[in-house]
Amino acid sequence: MLIGDVQGWVDNFVSFDDRFLERIAAAWPACMAVLPEQPGEDAITINLVDRLTKDAVVRRLCHWVEYQFEPFGLAADGSKYSKGIIDIAVLFDWEREQYLAYECKRLNVINGGSRNSLATVYVTQGMMRFLTEQYAEHLPVGCMLGYVLDGDVPFAKVRLADAISSHVPLALIEGPTPLSEIETIERFLTRHTRPAGSHIELRHALFSKSSAAAPNG
């Protein structure tokens, strides 16, 4: 549960996301250079988190970057239970209930010579987990990372926009709205109304595998 002004938390999360994405962009080429042509989601995320936890700038920005973070739910009898597994969570202190979640999904996967956009999976198994508060319970901001494996980011954006606008349970109230690029990262935001009535802002960043061709040092 957040304490204090919610808008203040939103501003802090947004500011951090901008800076964190700069560090992901810096790590991205070297991360992808060691992976196969069509890597799995977990392989990408593990190697990315490994580099981020060693990044001197990231270490100054937050307390910890956790791979497969398990947020706790509270049962009626007062006991805690796992609500599932978030791909990446950024913790700013020892408070487990205050974190910035990054759910990661592959897009434009090539299999047997054909392309599967996986935009629907991005929505139903990614974004919806923020709407139901399986992830980011009581928190006003969540983040999505899209790994665009064929490098065709414009195609991924079109398919995502279609999937988002057509999925009624997302309770979309704004977006997709473009955000300024960070390095070569295409970004946009969406805003939604959760079933309990609160709003959540989801910030989306699309990473092209083709941008990993030239590692930055």
C-alpha atoms as a PDB file:
ATOM      1  CA  MET A   1       0.000   0.000   0.000  1.00  0.00           C
ATOM      2  CA  LEU A   2       1.362   3.387  -0.977  1.00  0.00           C
ATOM      3  CA  ILE A   3       1.666   6.063   1.667  1.00  0.00           C
ATOM      4  CA  GLY A   4       1.337   9.733   0.720  1.00  0.00           C
ATOM      5  CA  ASP A   5       0.403  11.461  -2.515  1.00  0.00           C
ATOM      6  CA  VAL A   6      -0.333   8.941  -5.285  1.00  0.00           C
ATOM      7  CA  GLN A   7       0.631  11.434  -8.010  1.00  0.00           C
ATOM      8  CA  GLY A   8       4.006  11.786  -6.350  1.00  0.00           C
ATOM      9  CA  TRP A   9       4.518   8.045  -6.695  1.00  0.00           C
ATOM     10  CA  VAL A  10       3.430   8.176 -10.337  1.00  0.00           C
ATOM     11  CA  ASP A  11       5.959  10.929 -11.049  1.00  0.00           C
ATOM     12  CA  ASN A  12       8.733   8.972  -9.307  1.00  0.00           C
ATOM     13  CA  PHE A  13       7.908   5.754 -11.168  1.00  0.00           C
ATOM     14  CA  VAL A  14       7.779   7.556 -14.527  1.00  0.00           C
ATOM     15  CA  SER A  15      11.080   9.323 -13.913  1.00  0.00           C
ATOM     16  CA  PHE A  16      12.716   6.065 -12.886  1.00  0.00           C
ATOM     17  CA  ASP A  17      11.332   4.215 -15.916  1.00  0.00           C
ATOM     18  CA  ASP A  18      12.923   6.754 -18.258  1.00  0.00           C
ATOM     19  CA  ARG A  19      16.328   6.332 -16.634  1.00  0.00           C
ATOM     20  CA  PHE A  20      16.013   2.559 -16.311  1.00  0.00           C
ATOM     21  CA  LEU A  21      15.199   2.178 -20.005  1.00  0.00           C
ATOM     22  CA  GLU A  22      18.353   4.118 -20.848  1.00  0.00           C
ATOM     23  CA  ARG A  23      20.346   1.465 -18.999  1.00  0.00           C
ATOM     24  CA  ILE A  24      18.438  -1.367 -20.683  1.00  0.00           C
ATOM     25  CA  ALA A  25      19.222   0.232 -24.052  1.00  0.00           C
ATOM     26  CA  ALA A  26      22.897   0.360 -23.110  1.00  0.00           C
ATOM     27  CA  ALA A  27      22.905  -3.324 -22.076  1.00  0.00           C
ATOM     28  CA  TRP A  28      20.698  -4.582 -24.901  1.00  0.00           C
ATOM     29  CA  PRO A  29      23.253  -5.086 -27.720  1.00  0.00           C
ATOM     30  CA  ALA A  30      25.729  -7.079 -25.610  1.00  0.00           C
ATOM     31  CA  CYS A  31      22.886  -9.046 -24.047  1.00  0.00           C
ATOM     32  CA  MET A  32      21.404 -10.103 -27.371  1.00  0.00           C
ATOM     33  CA  ALA A  33      24.772 -10.765 -29.009  1.00  0.00           C
ATOM     34  CA  VAL A  34      25.263 -13.930 -26.932  1.00  0.00           C
ATOM     35  CA  LEU A  35      21.779 -15.335 -27.622  1.00  0.00           C
ATOM     36  CA  PRO A  36      20.477 -17.381 -30.587  1.00  0.00           C
ATOM     37  CA  GLU A  37      18.424 -15.977 -33.466  1.00  0.00           C
ATOM     38  CA  GLN A  38      15.046 -16.666 -31.834  1.00  0.00           C
ATOM     39  CA  PRO A  39      15.788 -16.717 -28.092  1.00  0.00           C
ATOM     40  CA  GLY A  40      13.192 -17.580 -25.471  1.00  0.00           C
ATOM     41  CA  GLU A  41      11.676 -14.905 -23.289  1.00  0.00           C
ATOM     42  CA  ASP A  42      13.337 -16.204 -20.129  1.00  0.00           C
ATOM     43  CA  ALA A  43      16.764 -16.369 -21.782  1.00  0.00           C
ATOM     44  CA  ILE A  44      16.527 -12.736 -22.838  1.00  0.00           C
ATOM     45  CA  THR A  45      15.266 -11.556 -19.459  1.00  0.00           C
ATOM     46  CA  ILE A  46      17.814 -13.520 -17.419  1.00  0.00           C
ATOM     47  CA  ASN A  47      20.736 -12.139 -19.408  1.00  0.00           C
ATOM     48  CA  LEU A  48      19.303  -8.640 -19.304  1.00  0.00           C
ATOM     49  CA  VAL A  49      18.798  -8.676 -15.533  1.00  0.00           C
ATOM     50  CA  ASP A  50      22.276 -10.118 -15.015  1.00  0.00           C
ATOM     51  CA  ARG A  51      23.770  -7.105 -16.795  1.00  0.00           C
ATOM     52  CA  LEU A  52      21.485  -4.590 -15.107  1.00  0.00           C
ATOM     53  CA  THR A  53      22.361  -5.782 -11.598  1.00  0.00           C
ATOM     54  CA  LYS A  54      26.024  -5.163 -12.416  1.00  0.00           C
ATOM     55  CA  ASP A  55      25.413  -1.714 -13.907  1.00  0.00           C
ATOM     56  CA  ALA A  56      26.856   1.054 -11.734  1.00  0.00           C
ATOM     57  CA  VAL A  57      24.127   3.539 -12.695  1.00  0.00           C
ATOM     58  CA  VAL A  58      21.321   1.087 -11.921  1.00  0.00           C
ATOM     59  CA  ARG A  59      22.883   0.357  -8.532  1.00  0.00           C
ATOM     60  CA  ARG A  60      22.583   4.051  -7.681  1.00  0.00           C
ATOM     61  CA  LEU A  61      19.004   4.320  -8.949  1.00  0.00           C
ATOM     62  CA  CYS A  62      17.380   1.586  -6.878  1.00  0.00           C
ATOM     63  CA  HIS A  63      17.754  -0.981  -4.111  1.00  0.00           C
ATOM     64  CA  TRP A  64      17.564  -4.111  -6.277  1.00  0.00           C
ATOM     65  CA  VAL A  65      16.443  -5.500  -9.642  1.00  0.00           C
ATOM     66  CA  GLU A  66      14.776  -8.876  -9.155  1.00  0.00           C
ATOM     67  CA  TYR A  67      14.241 -11.549 -11.822  1.00  0.00           C
ATOM     68  CA  GLN A  68      10.944 -13.449 -11.377  1.00  0.00           C
ATOM     69  CA  PHE A  69       9.726 -11.505  -8.368  1.00  0.00           C
ATOM     70  CA  GLU A  70       6.799 -13.040  -6.446  1.00  0.00           C
ATOM     71  CA  PRO A  71       4.466 -10.438  -4.949  1.00  0.00           C
ATOM     72  CA  PHE A  72       2.545 -11.583  -1.872  1.00  0.00           C
ATOM     73  CA  GLY A  73      -1.217 -11.576  -1.547  1.00  0.00           C
ATOM     74  CA  LEU A  74      -3.091 -11.433   1.745  1.00  0.00           C
ATOM     75  CA  ALA A  75      -5.592 -14.228   2.471  1.00  0.00           C
ATOM     76  CA  ALA A  76      -8.725 -13.791   4.584  1.00  0.00           C
ATOM     77  CA  ASP A  77      -7.070 -15.628   7.490  1.00  0.00           C
ATOM     78  CA  GLY A  78      -4.169 -13.172   7.502  1.00  0.00           C
ATOM     79  CA  SER A  79      -1.662 -15.477   5.833  1.00  0.00           C
ATOM     80  CA  LYS A  80       0.398 -14.496   2.813  1.00  0.00           C
ATOM     81  CA  TYR A  81       0.514 -16.328  -0.514  1.00  0.00           C
ATOM     82  CA  SER A  82       2.237 -15.953  -3.890  1.00  0.00           C
ATOM     83  CA  LYS A  83       0.277 -14.002  -6.514  1.00  0.00           C
ATOM     84  CA  GLY A  84       2.410 -15.281  -9.367  1.00  0.00           C
ATOM     85  CA  ILE A  85       5.716 -14.319 -10.897  1.00  0.00           C
ATOM     86  CA  ILE A  86       6.621 -10.932 -12.405  1.00  0.00           C
ATOM     87  CA  ASP A  87       9.438 -11.093 -14.953  1.00  0.00           C
ATOM     88  CA  ILE A  88      11.334  -8.088 -13.542  1.00  0.00           C
ATOM     89  CA  ALA A  89      10.604  -6.002 -10.462  1.00  0.00           C
ATOM     90  CA  VAL A  90      12.557  -2.989  -9.270  1.00  0.00           C
ATOM     91  CA  LEU A  91      12.627  -2.561  -5.495  1.00  0.00           C
ATOM     92  CA  PHE A  92      13.515   0.818  -4.049  1.00  0.00           C
ATOM     93  CA  ASP A  93      13.940  -0.306  -0.434  1.00  0.00           C
ATOM     94  CA  TRP A  94      12.994  -3.261   1.782  1.00  0.00           C
ATOM     95  CA  GLU A  95       9.259  -2.676   1.304  1.00  0.00           C
ATOM     96  CA  ARG A  96       8.065  -5.573  -0.877  1.00  0.00           C
ATOM     97  CA  GLU A  97       4.686  -4.002  -1.658  1.00  0.00           C
ATOM     98  CA  GLN A  98       6.221  -0.931  -3.320  1.00  0.00           C
ATOM     99  CA  TYR A  99       7.881  -1.879  -6.577  1.00  0.00           C
ATOM    100  CA  LEU A 100       7.855  -1.129 -10.284  1.00  0.00           C
ATOM    101  CA  ALA A 101       6.904  -4.209 -12.309  1.00  0.00           C
ATOM    102  CA  TYR A 102       8.182  -5.012 -15.802  1.00  0.00           C
ATOM    103  CA  GLU A 103       6.323  -7.801 -17.589  1.00  0.00           C
ATOM    104  CA  CYS A 104       8.219  -9.071 -20.642  1.00  0.00           C
ATOM    105  CA  LYS A 105       6.783 -10.618 -23.810  1.00  0.00           C
ATOM    106  CA  ARG A 106       8.214 -11.717 -27.137  1.00  0.00           C
ATOM    107  CA  LEU A 107       6.680 -10.241 -30.281  1.00  0.00           C
ATOM    108  CA  ASN A 108       6.989 -11.114 -33.998  1.00  0.00           C
ATOM    109  CA  VAL A 109       8.328 -14.608 -33.373  1.00  0.00           C
ATOM    110  CA  ILE A 110       9.449 -16.502 -36.481  1.00  0.00           C
ATOM    111  CA  ASN A 111       8.616 -20.208 -36.506  1.00  0.00           C
ATOM    112  CA  GLY A 112       8.886 -22.426 -39.555  1.00  0.00           C
ATOM    113  CA  GLY A 113       9.246 -19.413 -41.800  1.00  0.00           C
ATOM    114  CA  SER A 114       6.015 -17.751 -40.626  1.00  0.00           C
ATOM    115  CA  ARG A 115       5.584 -14.823 -38.268  1.00  0.00           C
ATOM    116  CA  ASN A 116       3.404 -14.831 -35.173  1.00  0.00           C
ATOM    117  CA  SER A 117       2.895 -11.351 -33.738  1.00  0.00           C
ATOM    118  CA  LEU A 118       1.887 -12.664 -30.250  1.00  0.00           C
ATOM    119  CA  ALA A 119       0.114  -9.334 -29.690  1.00  0.00           C
ATOM    120  CA  THR A 120      -2.888 -11.082 -28.153  1.00  0.00           C
ATOM    121  CA  VAL A 121      -0.658 -12.910 -25.667  1.00  0.00           C
ATOM    122  CA  TYR A 122       0.996  -9.581 -24.798  1.00  0.00           C
ATOM    123  CA  VAL A 123      -2.452  -8.232 -23.891  1.00  0.00           C
ATOM    124  CA  THR A 124      -4.133 -11.224 -22.236  1.00  0.00           C
ATOM    125  CA  GLN A 125      -1.135 -12.680 -20.400  1.00  0.00           C
ATOM    126  CA  GLY A 126       0.732  -9.432 -19.807  1.00  0.00           C
ATOM    127  CA  MET A 127      -1.326  -6.256 -19.575  1.00  0.00           C
ATOM    128  CA  MET A 128      -4.354  -7.956 -18.034  1.00  0.00           C
ATOM    129  CA  ARG A 129      -2.332  -9.085 -15.025  1.00  0.00           C
ATOM    130  CA  PHE A 130      -1.964  -5.427 -14.073  1.00  0.00           C
ATOM    131  CA  LEU A 131      -5.691  -4.825 -14.549  1.00  0.00           C
ATOM    132  CA  THR A 132      -6.658  -7.689 -12.226  1.00  0.00           C
ATOM    133  CA  GLU A 133      -3.990  -6.555  -9.732  1.00  0.00           C
ATOM    134  CA  GLN A 134      -2.289  -9.912  -9.853  1.00  0.00           C
ATOM    135  CA  TYR A 135       0.680  -7.617 -10.459  1.00  0.00           C
ATOM    136  CA  ALA A 136       1.197  -4.120  -9.013  1.00  0.00           C
ATOM    137  CA  GLU A 137      -1.662  -4.388  -6.525  1.00  0.00           C
ATOM    138  CA  HIS A 138      -2.677  -0.894  -5.311  1.00  0.00           C
ATOM    139  CA  LEU A 139       0.153   0.579  -7.424  1.00  0.00           C
ATOM    140  CA  PRO A 140      -0.550   3.256 -10.066  1.00  0.00           C
ATOM    141  CA  VAL A 141       2.074   2.353 -12.691  1.00  0.00           C
ATOM    142  CA  GLY A 142       3.215  -0.821 -14.428  1.00  0.00           C
ATOM    143  CA  CYS A 143       5.537  -1.478 -17.366  1.00  0.00           C
ATOM    144  CA  MET A 144       5.634  -3.802 -20.351  1.00  0.00           C
ATOM    145  CA  LEU A 145       8.749  -4.751 -22.332  1.00  0.00           C
ATOM    146  CA  GLY A 146       8.221  -6.130 -25.835  1.00  0.00           C
ATOM    147  CA  TYR A 147      11.069  -8.116 -27.385  1.00  0.00           C
ATOM    148  CA  VAL A 148      10.545  -7.682 -31.160  1.00  0.00           C
ATOM    149  CA  LEU A 149      12.484 -10.646 -32.503  1.00  0.00           C
ATOM    150  CA  ASP A 150      12.246  -9.933 -36.237  1.00  0.00           C
ATOM    151  CA  GLY A 151      13.084  -6.247 -35.808  1.00  0.00           C
ATOM    152  CA  ASP A 152       9.838  -5.068 -37.443  1.00  0.00           C
ATOM    153  CA  VAL A 153       8.738  -2.649 -34.724  1.00  0.00           C
ATOM    154  CA  PRO A 154       6.160  -0.806 -36.911  1.00  0.00           C
ATOM    155  CA  PHE A 155       4.333  -4.105 -37.536  1.00  0.00           C
ATOM    156  CA  ALA A 156       4.455  -4.946 -33.821  1.00  0.00           C
ATOM    157  CA  LYS A 157       3.006  -1.522 -32.922  1.00  0.00           C
ATOM    158  CA  VAL A 158       0.095  -1.905 -35.350  1.00  0.00           C
ATOM    159  CA  ARG A 159      -0.765  -5.382 -34.114  1.00  0.00           C
ATOM    160  CA  LEU A 160      -0.520  -4.286 -30.485  1.00  0.00           C
ATOM    161  CA  ALA A 161      -2.754  -1.274 -31.091  1.00  0.00           C
ATOM    162  CA  ASP A 162      -5.371  -3.554 -32.662  1.00  0.00           C
ATOM    163  CA  ALA A 163      -5.149  -6.092 -29.837  1.00  0.00           C
ATOM    164  CA  ILE A 164      -5.352  -3.421 -27.140  1.00  0.00           C
ATOM    165  CA  SER A 165      -8.296  -1.553 -28.639  1.00  0.00           C
ATOM    166  CA  SER A 166     -10.294  -4.747 -29.246  1.00  0.00           C
ATOM    167  CA  HIS A 167      -9.848  -6.295 -25.791  1.00  0.00           C
ATOM    168  CA  VAL A 168     -12.750  -4.858 -23.792  1.00  0.00           C
ATOM    169  CA  PRO A 169     -11.596  -6.111 -20.351  1.00  0.00           C
ATOM    170  CA  LEU A 170      -8.614  -3.749 -20.568  1.00  0.00           C
ATOM    171  CA  ALA A 171     -11.061  -0.906 -19.783  1.00  0.00           C
ATOM    172  CA  LEU A 172      -8.944   1.466 -21.845  1.00  0.00           C
ATOM    173  CA  ILE A 173      -9.391   5.154 -21.037  1.00  0.00           C
ATOM    174  CA  GLU A 174      -6.380   6.539 -22.938  1.00  0.00           C
ATOM    175  CA  GLY A 175      -3.930   5.405 -25.581  1.00  0.00           C
ATOM    176  CA  PRO A 176      -1.993   3.939 -27.078  1.00  0.00           C
ATOM    177  CA  THR A 177      -0.284   7.330 -26.806  1.00  0.00           C
ATOM    178  CA  PRO A 178       3.277   7.712 -28.164  1.00  0.00           C
ATOM    179  CA  LEU A 179       6.066   8.578 -25.754  1.00  0.00           C
ATOM    180  CA  SER A 180       9.422  10.070 -26.702  1.00  0.00           C
ATOM    181  CA  GLU A 181      11.986   7.544 -27.881  1.00  0.00           C
ATOM    182  CA  ILE A 182      14.891   6.576 -25.655  1.00  0.00           C
ATOM    183  CA  GLU A 183      17.837   5.582 -27.834  1.00  0.00           C
ATOM    184  CA  THR A 184      16.138   3.318 -30.413  1.00  0.00           C
ATOM    185  CA  ILE A 185      13.327   2.192 -28.107  1.00  0.00           C
ATOM    186  CA  GLU A 186       9.788   2.832 -29.363  1.00  0.00           C
ATOM    187  CA  ARG A 187       7.482   3.698 -26.464  1.00  0.00           C
ATOM    188  CA  PHE A 188       3.835   4.385 -25.760  1.00  0.00           C
ATOM    189  CA  LEU A 189       1.487   4.494 -22.788  1.00  0.00           C
ATOM    190  CA  THR A 190      -2.016   3.316 -22.047  1.00  0.00           C
ATOM    191  CA  ARG A 191      -4.291   4.137 -19.114  1.00  0.00           C
ATOM    192  CA  HIS A 192      -6.939   1.839 -17.724  1.00  0.00           C
ATOM    193  CA  THR A 193      -9.651   1.569 -15.083  1.00  0.00           C
ATOM    194  CA  ARG A 194      -9.335  -1.430 -12.800  1.00  0.00           C
ATOM    195  CA  PRO A 195     -12.447  -3.342 -11.645  1.00  0.00           C
ATOM    196  CA  ALA A 196     -12.222  -1.716  -8.198  1.00  0.00           C
ATOM    197  CA  GLY A 197     -12.303   1.739  -9.823  1.00  0.00           C
ATOM    198  CA  SER A 198      -8.655   2.809  -9.496  1.00  0.00           C
ATOM    199  CA  HIS A 199      -6.625   3.818 -12.537  1.00  0.00           C
ATOM    200  CA  ILE A 200      -3.308   2.414 -13.693  1.00  0.00           C
ATOM    201  CA  GLU A 201      -0.859   3.745 -16.252  1.00  0.00           C
ATOM    202  CA  LEU A 202       0.984   1.117 -18.300  1.00  0.00           C
ATOM    203  CA  ARG A 203       4.196   2.182 -19.990  1.00  0.00           C
ATOM    204  CA  HIS A 204       5.282   0.113 -22.994  1.00  0.00           C
ATOM    205  CA  ALA A 205       8.760  -0.188 -24.528  1.00  0.00           C
ATOM    206  CA  LEU A 206       9.543  -2.164 -27.694  1.00  0.00           C
ATOM    207  CA  PHE A 207      13.073  -3.469 -28.216  1.00  0.00           C
ATOM    208  CA  SER A 208      14.168  -4.543 -31.670  1.00  0.00           C
ATOM    209  CA  LYS A 209      16.493  -7.543 -31.830  1.00  0.00           C
ATOM    210  CA  SER A 210      18.060  -5.994 -34.942  1.00  0.00           C
ATOM    211  CA  SER A 211      19.278  -3.045 -32.860  1.00  0.00           C
ATOM    212  CA  ALA A 212      21.621  -5.471 -31.096  1.00  0.00           C
ATOM    213  CA  ALA A 213      23.877  -5.717 -34.162  1.00  0.00           C
ATOM    214  CA  ALA A 214      26.477  -3.290 -32.829  1.00  0.00           C
ATOM    215  CA  PRO A 215      27.246  -3.710 -29.089  1.00  0.00           C
ATOM    216  CA  ASN A 216      28.123  -0.559 -27.156  1.00  0.00           C
ATOM    217  CA  GLY A 217      31.432  -1.474 -25.686  1.00  0.00           C
END
